[in-house]
């Protein structure tokens, strides 16, 4: 009887642990599901990176979370410790980074400014601690691509001795900037001008890129931009 009682007690405690584990799993699934529509970062993922750390900002206790780390944006249990010695010219060093909820300024989608990403910004890249992340990773990458295209366009345009290949490159870059909305459709005439400047006998006209840019620009002009 005594053995049966111990066995029953063990079974009850085991059942309690199973219920507790299931409850924790369900809670975790709910927390993960809440970020299902957030923009995915190629390095850090889509949802929060749980650490179990959740310090409260208190300067009297030497804990400072940064001016752009608002309480309604911080994701609990995601904090990591900062290396304050590596932060550039910090009047008040940030002691902890949290995963922060953000809405992209360009596309309006939700994303996370990850604690680990902040550490990389402020301690490795040495960004000013007041710098904030206002665009999702997709829009940031698109912005970098646009900047690269504009620099390439300006370089080619300034060259007074462009080859046929350079003129094709210039037309292709201009077309990409039109497609992305950086240049207006009036620049289509410039694209056509660059293509038409390439002699009929030039081997460049046989490139697939020439045919693609020529077809797309002509079609856009025919459609009225």
C-alpha atoms as a PDB file:
ATOM      1  CA  UNK A   1       0.000   0.000   0.000  1.00  0.00           C
ATOM      2  CA  UNK A   2       2.848   2.302   0.886  1.00  0.00           C
ATOM      3  CA  UNK A   3       4.517   1.559  -2.470  1.00  0.00           C
ATOM      4  CA  UNK A   4       1.264   2.205  -4.312  1.00  0.00           C
ATOM      5  CA  UNK A   5       0.939   5.568  -2.561  1.00  0.00           C
ATOM      6  CA  UNK A   6       4.466   6.568  -3.581  1.00  0.00           C
ATOM      7  CA  UNK A   7       3.766   5.470  -7.150  1.00  0.00           C
ATOM      8  CA  UNK A   8       0.542   7.493  -7.243  1.00  0.00           C
ATOM      9  CA  UNK A   9       2.349  10.557  -5.875  1.00  0.00           C
ATOM     10  CA  UNK A  10       5.056  10.140  -8.517  1.00  0.00           C
ATOM     11  CA  UNK A  11       2.477   9.851 -11.284  1.00  0.00           C
ATOM     12  CA  UNK A  12       0.697  13.002 -10.115  1.00  0.00           C
ATOM     13  CA  UNK A  13       3.949  14.990  -9.933  1.00  0.00           C
ATOM     14  CA  UNK A  14       4.954  13.704 -13.368  1.00  0.00           C
ATOM     15  CA  UNK A  15       1.578  14.745 -14.729  1.00  0.00           C
ATOM     16  CA  UNK A  16       2.001  18.208 -13.223  1.00  0.00           C
ATOM     17  CA  UNK A  17       5.391  18.569 -14.925  1.00  0.00           C
ATOM     18  CA  UNK A  18       3.937  17.461 -18.256  1.00  0.00           C
ATOM     19  CA  UNK A  19       1.104  19.983 -17.932  1.00  0.00           C
ATOM     20  CA  UNK A  20       3.599  22.698 -17.030  1.00  0.00           C
ATOM     21  CA  UNK A  21       5.774  21.793 -20.052  1.00  0.00           C
ATOM     22  CA  UNK A  22       2.761  21.838 -22.370  1.00  0.00           C
ATOM     23  CA  UNK A  23       1.667  25.186 -20.968  1.00  0.00           C
ATOM     24  CA  UNK A  24       5.142  26.642 -21.525  1.00  0.00           C
ATOM     25  CA  UNK A  25       5.194  25.242 -25.073  1.00  0.00           C
ATOM     26  CA  UNK A  26       1.786  26.740 -25.860  1.00  0.00           C
ATOM     27  CA  UNK A  27       2.890  30.076 -24.423  1.00  0.00           C
ATOM     28  CA  UNK A  28       6.049  29.997 -26.548  1.00  0.00           C
ATOM     29  CA  UNK A  29       4.057  29.149 -29.687  1.00  0.00           C
ATOM     30  CA  UNK A  30       1.732  32.099 -29.014  1.00  0.00           C
ATOM     31  CA  UNK A  31       4.696  34.416 -28.540  1.00  0.00           C
ATOM     32  CA  UNK A  32       6.286  33.210 -31.775  1.00  0.00           C
ATOM     33  CA  UNK A  33       3.010  33.460 -33.714  1.00  0.00           C
ATOM     34  CA  UNK A  34       2.702  37.126 -32.717  1.00  0.00           C
ATOM     35  CA  UNK A  35       5.694  37.875 -34.984  1.00  0.00           C
ATOM     36  CA  UNK A  36       4.702  35.724 -37.957  1.00  0.00           C
ATOM     37  CA  UNK A  37       4.075  38.770 -40.176  1.00  0.00           C
ATOM     38  CA  UNK A  38       7.267  40.598 -39.230  1.00  0.00           C
ATOM     39  CA  UNK A  39       9.981  41.108 -41.865  1.00  0.00           C
ATOM     40  CA  UNK A  40      12.571  38.326 -41.719  1.00  0.00           C
ATOM     41  CA  UNK A  41      16.196  39.344 -41.215  1.00  0.00           C
ATOM     42  CA  UNK A  42      18.651  37.106 -43.122  1.00  0.00           C
ATOM     43  CA  UNK A  43      20.975  36.877 -40.111  1.00  0.00           C
ATOM     44  CA  UNK A  44      18.745  37.201 -37.056  1.00  0.00           C
ATOM     45  CA  UNK A  45      15.458  35.756 -38.277  1.00  0.00           C
ATOM     46  CA  UNK A  46      11.901  37.012 -37.912  1.00  0.00           C
ATOM     47  CA  UNK A  47      10.919  36.619 -34.254  1.00  0.00           C
ATOM     48  CA  UNK A  48      12.544  37.622 -30.955  1.00  0.00           C
ATOM     49  CA  UNK A  49      15.704  35.956 -29.692  1.00  0.00           C
ATOM     50  CA  UNK A  50      14.857  35.017 -26.118  1.00  0.00           C
ATOM     51  CA  UNK A  51      17.578  35.355 -23.483  1.00  0.00           C
ATOM     52  CA  UNK A  52      15.544  35.414 -20.277  1.00  0.00           C
ATOM     53  CA  UNK A  53      17.066  38.784 -19.329  1.00  0.00           C
ATOM     54  CA  UNK A  54      14.645  41.611 -18.579  1.00  0.00           C
ATOM     55  CA  UNK A  55      16.430  44.476 -16.734  1.00  0.00           C
ATOM     56  CA  UNK A  56      14.561  47.669 -15.869  1.00  0.00           C
ATOM     57  CA  UNK A  57      16.146  50.992 -16.695  1.00  0.00           C
ATOM     58  CA  UNK A  58      17.379  52.634 -13.511  1.00  0.00           C
ATOM     59  CA  UNK A  59      20.286  55.074 -13.656  1.00  0.00           C
ATOM     60  CA  UNK A  60      20.653  54.948  -9.884  1.00  0.00           C
ATOM     61  CA  UNK A  61      21.442  51.246 -10.314  1.00  0.00           C
ATOM     62  CA  UNK A  62      23.696  51.854 -13.320  1.00  0.00           C
ATOM     63  CA  UNK A  63      21.197  50.472 -15.845  1.00  0.00           C
ATOM     64  CA  UNK A  64      20.543  52.604 -18.945  1.00  0.00           C
ATOM     65  CA  UNK A  65      18.619  51.195 -21.916  1.00  0.00           C
ATOM     66  CA  UNK A  66      18.978  54.094 -24.376  1.00  0.00           C
ATOM     67  CA  UNK A  67      16.632  56.912 -25.356  1.00  0.00           C
ATOM     68  CA  UNK A  68      15.188  55.045 -28.359  1.00  0.00           C
ATOM     69  CA  UNK A  69      14.449  51.898 -26.318  1.00  0.00           C
ATOM     70  CA  UNK A  70      10.935  52.769 -25.169  1.00  0.00           C
ATOM     71  CA  UNK A  71       9.104  50.467 -22.797  1.00  0.00           C
ATOM     72  CA  UNK A  72       6.244  49.862 -25.251  1.00  0.00           C
ATOM     73  CA  UNK A  73       8.736  48.817 -27.949  1.00  0.00           C
ATOM     74  CA  UNK A  74      10.971  46.548 -25.873  1.00  0.00           C
ATOM     75  CA  UNK A  75      10.284  42.817 -26.143  1.00  0.00           C
ATOM     76  CA  UNK A  76      10.584  41.259 -22.658  1.00  0.00           C
ATOM     77  CA  UNK A  77      13.161  38.556 -21.967  1.00  0.00           C
ATOM     78  CA  UNK A  78      15.351  39.464 -24.957  1.00  0.00           C
ATOM     79  CA  UNK A  79      18.002  41.681 -23.349  1.00  0.00           C
ATOM     80  CA  UNK A  80      21.748  41.166 -23.768  1.00  0.00           C
ATOM     81  CA  UNK A  81      24.531  42.954 -21.949  1.00  0.00           C
ATOM     82  CA  UNK A  82      26.451  45.697 -23.727  1.00  0.00           C
ATOM     83  CA  UNK A  83      30.196  46.215 -23.713  1.00  0.00           C
ATOM     84  CA  UNK A  84      30.215  49.883 -22.735  1.00  0.00           C
ATOM     85  CA  UNK A  85      33.966  50.196 -23.349  1.00  0.00           C
ATOM     86  CA  UNK A  86      33.374  49.670 -27.064  1.00  0.00           C
ATOM     87  CA  UNK A  87      30.651  52.313 -27.467  1.00  0.00           C
ATOM     88  CA  UNK A  88      31.939  55.493 -29.163  1.00  0.00           C
ATOM     89  CA  UNK A  89      31.995  58.719 -27.126  1.00  0.00           C
ATOM     90  CA  UNK A  90      28.998  57.743 -25.001  1.00  0.00           C
ATOM     91  CA  UNK A  91      27.981  60.425 -22.498  1.00  0.00           C
ATOM     92  CA  UNK A  92      25.765  57.835 -20.803  1.00  0.00           C
ATOM     93  CA  UNK A  93      26.675  54.321 -21.972  1.00  0.00           C
ATOM     94  CA  UNK A  94      23.879  51.895 -22.830  1.00  0.00           C
ATOM     95  CA  UNK A  95      24.198  48.885 -20.534  1.00  0.00           C
ATOM     96  CA  UNK A  96      21.722  46.517 -22.197  1.00  0.00           C
ATOM     97  CA  UNK A  97      20.153  46.053 -25.610  1.00  0.00           C
ATOM     98  CA  UNK A  98      16.629  44.681 -26.109  1.00  0.00           C
ATOM     99  CA  UNK A  99      14.948  43.382 -29.244  1.00  0.00           C
ATOM    100  CA  UNK A 100      12.803  46.373 -30.266  1.00  0.00           C
ATOM    101  CA  UNK A 101       9.576  46.422 -32.285  1.00  0.00           C
ATOM    102  CA  UNK A 102       9.690  48.802 -35.236  1.00  0.00           C
ATOM    103  CA  UNK A 103       7.500  49.856 -38.190  1.00  0.00           C
ATOM    104  CA  UNK A 104       9.375  50.510 -41.422  1.00  0.00           C
ATOM    105  CA  UNK A 105       9.333  54.147 -42.522  1.00  0.00           C
ATOM    106  CA  UNK A 106       9.260  53.150 -46.210  1.00  0.00           C
ATOM    107  CA  UNK A 107       7.064  50.057 -46.577  1.00  0.00           C
ATOM    108  CA  UNK A 108       5.086  50.239 -43.318  1.00  0.00           C
ATOM    109  CA  UNK A 109       5.765  46.608 -42.349  1.00  0.00           C
ATOM    110  CA  UNK A 110       6.664  45.566 -38.822  1.00  0.00           C
ATOM    111  CA  UNK A 111      10.177  44.349 -38.058  1.00  0.00           C
ATOM    112  CA  UNK A 112      12.514  43.818 -35.120  1.00  0.00           C
ATOM    113  CA  UNK A 113      15.632  45.851 -34.444  1.00  0.00           C
ATOM    114  CA  UNK A 114      17.485  42.982 -32.802  1.00  0.00           C
ATOM    115  CA  UNK A 115      19.580  43.372 -29.669  1.00  0.00           C
ATOM    116  CA  UNK A 116      22.484  41.604 -31.378  1.00  0.00           C
ATOM    117  CA  UNK A 117      22.130  43.910 -34.374  1.00  0.00           C
ATOM    118  CA  UNK A 118      22.312  46.914 -32.049  1.00  0.00           C
ATOM    119  CA  UNK A 119      25.474  45.553 -30.467  1.00  0.00           C
ATOM    120  CA  UNK A 120      26.961  45.197 -33.952  1.00  0.00           C
ATOM    121  CA  UNK A 121      25.942  48.765 -34.877  1.00  0.00           C
ATOM    122  CA  UNK A 122      27.212  50.489 -31.766  1.00  0.00           C
ATOM    123  CA  UNK A 123      30.189  48.375 -30.762  1.00  0.00           C
ATOM    124  CA  UNK A 124      31.606  47.020 -34.032  1.00  0.00           C
ATOM    125  CA  UNK A 125      30.587  49.624 -36.602  1.00  0.00           C
ATOM    126  CA  UNK A 126      30.911  52.346 -33.950  1.00  0.00           C
ATOM    127  CA  UNK A 127      27.645  54.064 -34.848  1.00  0.00           C
ATOM    128  CA  UNK A 128      26.539  56.981 -32.682  1.00  0.00           C
ATOM    129  CA  UNK A 129      24.362  55.642 -29.837  1.00  0.00           C
ATOM    130  CA  UNK A 130      21.561  57.987 -30.851  1.00  0.00           C
ATOM    131  CA  UNK A 131      21.321  56.346 -34.296  1.00  0.00           C
ATOM    132  CA  UNK A 132      18.075  54.405 -34.641  1.00  0.00           C
ATOM    133  CA  UNK A 133      16.866  51.826 -37.147  1.00  0.00           C
ATOM    134  CA  UNK A 134      13.823  53.165 -39.016  1.00  0.00           C
ATOM    135  CA  UNK A 135      13.759  50.863 -42.066  1.00  0.00           C
ATOM    136  CA  UNK A 136      13.364  47.094 -42.338  1.00  0.00           C
ATOM    137  CA  UNK A 137      16.241  45.067 -43.748  1.00  0.00           C
ATOM    138  CA  UNK A 138      14.552  44.725 -47.161  1.00  0.00           C
ATOM    139  CA  UNK A 139      14.188  48.490 -47.544  1.00  0.00           C
ATOM    140  CA  UNK A 140      17.690  49.109 -46.227  1.00  0.00           C
ATOM    141  CA  UNK A 141      19.129  46.740 -48.823  1.00  0.00           C
ATOM    142  CA  UNK A 142      17.012  48.370 -51.543  1.00  0.00           C
ATOM    143  CA  UNK A 143      18.277  51.791 -50.435  1.00  0.00           C
ATOM    144  CA  UNK A 144      21.887  50.589 -50.664  1.00  0.00           C
ATOM    145  CA  UNK A 145      21.248  49.152 -54.139  1.00  0.00           C
ATOM    146  CA  UNK A 146      19.699  52.444 -55.249  1.00  0.00           C
ATOM    147  CA  UNK A 147      22.663  54.401 -53.891  1.00  0.00           C
ATOM    148  CA  UNK A 148      25.051  52.094 -55.742  1.00  0.00           C
ATOM    149  CA  UNK A 149      23.081  52.491 -58.980  1.00  0.00           C
ATOM    150  CA  UNK A 150      23.014  56.285 -58.687  1.00  0.00           C
ATOM    151  CA  UNK A 151      26.768  56.396 -58.106  1.00  0.00           C
ATOM    152  CA  UNK A 152      27.319  54.156 -61.119  1.00  0.00           C
ATOM    153  CA  UNK A 153      24.980  56.331 -63.213  1.00  0.00           C
ATOM    154  CA  UNK A 154      26.771  59.567 -62.245  1.00  0.00           C
ATOM    155  CA  UNK A 155      30.164  58.023 -62.994  1.00  0.00           C
ATOM    156  CA  UNK A 156      29.104  56.843 -66.439  1.00  0.00           C
ATOM    157  CA  UNK A 157      27.317  60.093 -67.258  1.00  0.00           C
ATOM    158  CA  UNK A 158      30.414  62.151 -66.415  1.00  0.00           C
ATOM    159  CA  UNK A 159      32.589  60.095 -68.775  1.00  0.00           C
ATOM    160  CA  UNK A 160      32.934  61.920 -72.111  1.00  0.00           C
ATOM    161  CA  UNK A 161      34.595  58.915 -73.731  1.00  0.00           C
ATOM    162  CA  UNK A 162      32.075  56.171 -73.139  1.00  0.00           C
ATOM    163  CA  UNK A 163      32.391  52.971 -75.132  1.00  0.00           C
ATOM    164  CA  UNK A 164      29.402  51.200 -76.651  1.00  0.00           C
ATOM    165  CA  UNK A 165      29.388  48.864 -73.659  1.00  0.00           C
ATOM    166  CA  UNK A 166      29.403  51.885 -71.336  1.00  0.00           C
ATOM    167  CA  UNK A 167      26.405  53.396 -73.127  1.00  0.00           C
ATOM    168  CA  UNK A 168      24.529  50.124 -72.751  1.00  0.00           C
ATOM    169  CA  UNK A 169      25.480  50.032 -69.066  1.00  0.00           C
ATOM    170  CA  UNK A 170      24.263  53.617 -68.665  1.00  0.00           C
ATOM    171  CA  UNK A 171      20.938  52.781 -70.327  1.00  0.00           C
ATOM    172  CA  UNK A 172      20.521  49.660 -68.163  1.00  0.00           C
ATOM    173  CA  UNK A 173      21.276  51.563 -64.926  1.00  0.00           C
ATOM    174  CA  UNK A 174      18.907  54.377 -65.890  1.00  0.00           C
ATOM    175  CA  UNK A 175      16.184  51.832 -66.642  1.00  0.00           C
ATOM    176  CA  UNK A 176      16.682  50.226 -63.233  1.00  0.00           C
ATOM    177  CA  UNK A 177      16.346  53.622 -61.560  1.00  0.00           C
ATOM    178  CA  UNK A 178      13.161  54.300 -63.530  1.00  0.00           C
ATOM    179  CA  UNK A 179      11.732  50.914 -62.511  1.00  0.00           C
ATOM    180  CA  UNK A 180      12.473  51.654 -58.841  1.00  0.00           C
ATOM    181  CA  UNK A 181      10.784  55.058 -59.052  1.00  0.00           C
ATOM    182  CA  UNK A 182      13.952  57.072 -58.427  1.00  0.00           C
ATOM    183  CA  UNK A 183      13.881  58.545 -61.953  1.00  0.00           C
ATOM    184  CA  UNK A 184      10.693  59.703 -63.616  1.00  0.00           C
ATOM    185  CA  UNK A 185       9.419  58.223 -66.849  1.00  0.00           C
ATOM    186  CA  UNK A 186      10.660  61.268 -68.767  1.00  0.00           C
ATOM    187  CA  UNK A 187      14.100  59.661 -68.479  1.00  0.00           C
ATOM    188  CA  UNK A 188      12.906  56.946 -70.872  1.00  0.00           C
ATOM    189  CA  UNK A 189      13.877  59.238 -73.734  1.00  0.00           C
ATOM    190  CA  UNK A 190      17.383  59.376 -72.279  1.00  0.00           C
ATOM    191  CA  UNK A 191      17.487  55.583 -72.217  1.00  0.00           C
ATOM    192  CA  UNK A 192      16.397  55.429 -75.851  1.00  0.00           C
ATOM    193  CA  UNK A 193      19.005  58.052 -76.759  1.00  0.00           C
ATOM    194  CA  UNK A 194      21.790  55.997 -75.143  1.00  0.00           C
ATOM    195  CA  UNK A 195      20.665  52.853 -76.964  1.00  0.00           C
ATOM    196  CA  UNK A 196      20.371  54.636 -80.297  1.00  0.00           C
ATOM    197  CA  UNK A 197      23.895  56.044 -79.895  1.00  0.00           C
ATOM    198  CA  UNK A 198      25.267  52.514 -80.218  1.00  0.00           C
ATOM    199  CA  UNK A 199      26.098  51.905 -83.922  1.00  0.00           C
ATOM    200  CA  UNK A 200      24.060  49.314 -85.782  1.00  0.00           C
ATOM    201  CA  UNK A 201      27.205  47.300 -86.563  1.00  0.00           C
ATOM    202  CA  UNK A 202      28.325  47.216 -82.906  1.00  0.00           C
ATOM    203  CA  UNK A 203      28.535  43.767 -81.339  1.00  0.00           C
ATOM    204  CA  UNK A 204      26.992  45.268 -78.187  1.00  0.00           C
ATOM    205  CA  UNK A 205      23.616  45.333 -79.966  1.00  0.00           C
ATOM    206  CA  UNK A 206      23.668  41.538 -80.052  1.00  0.00           C
ATOM    207  CA  UNK A 207      23.863  41.268 -76.254  1.00  0.00           C
ATOM    208  CA  UNK A 208      20.821  39.951 -74.418  1.00  0.00           C
ATOM    209  CA  UNK A 209      21.019  42.990 -72.129  1.00  0.00           C
ATOM    210  CA  UNK A 210      20.620  45.332 -75.104  1.00  0.00           C
ATOM    211  CA  UNK A 211      17.547  43.458 -76.324  1.00  0.00           C
ATOM    212  CA  UNK A 212      16.040  43.469 -72.824  1.00  0.00           C
ATOM    213  CA  UNK A 213      16.547  47.203 -72.163  1.00  0.00           C
ATOM    214  CA  UNK A 214      15.493  48.094 -75.707  1.00  0.00           C
ATOM    215  CA  UNK A 215      12.263  46.070 -75.438  1.00  0.00           C
ATOM    216  CA  UNK A 216      11.322  47.293 -71.948  1.00  0.00           C
ATOM    217  CA  UNK A 217      12.039  50.971 -72.635  1.00  0.00           C
ATOM    218  CA  UNK A 218      10.154  50.901 -75.956  1.00  0.00           C
ATOM    219  CA  UNK A 219       7.190  49.199 -74.308  1.00  0.00           C
ATOM    220  CA  UNK A 220       7.121  51.716 -71.441  1.00  0.00           C
ATOM    221  CA  UNK A 221       7.165  54.603 -73.932  1.00  0.00           C
ATOM    222  CA  UNK A 222       4.367  53.003 -75.934  1.00  0.00           C
ATOM    223  CA  UNK A 223       2.295  52.631 -72.771  1.00  0.00           C
ATOM    224  CA  UNK A 224       2.878  56.254 -71.906  1.00  0.00           C
ATOM    225  CA  UNK A 225       5.472  55.610 -69.152  1.00  0.00           C
END
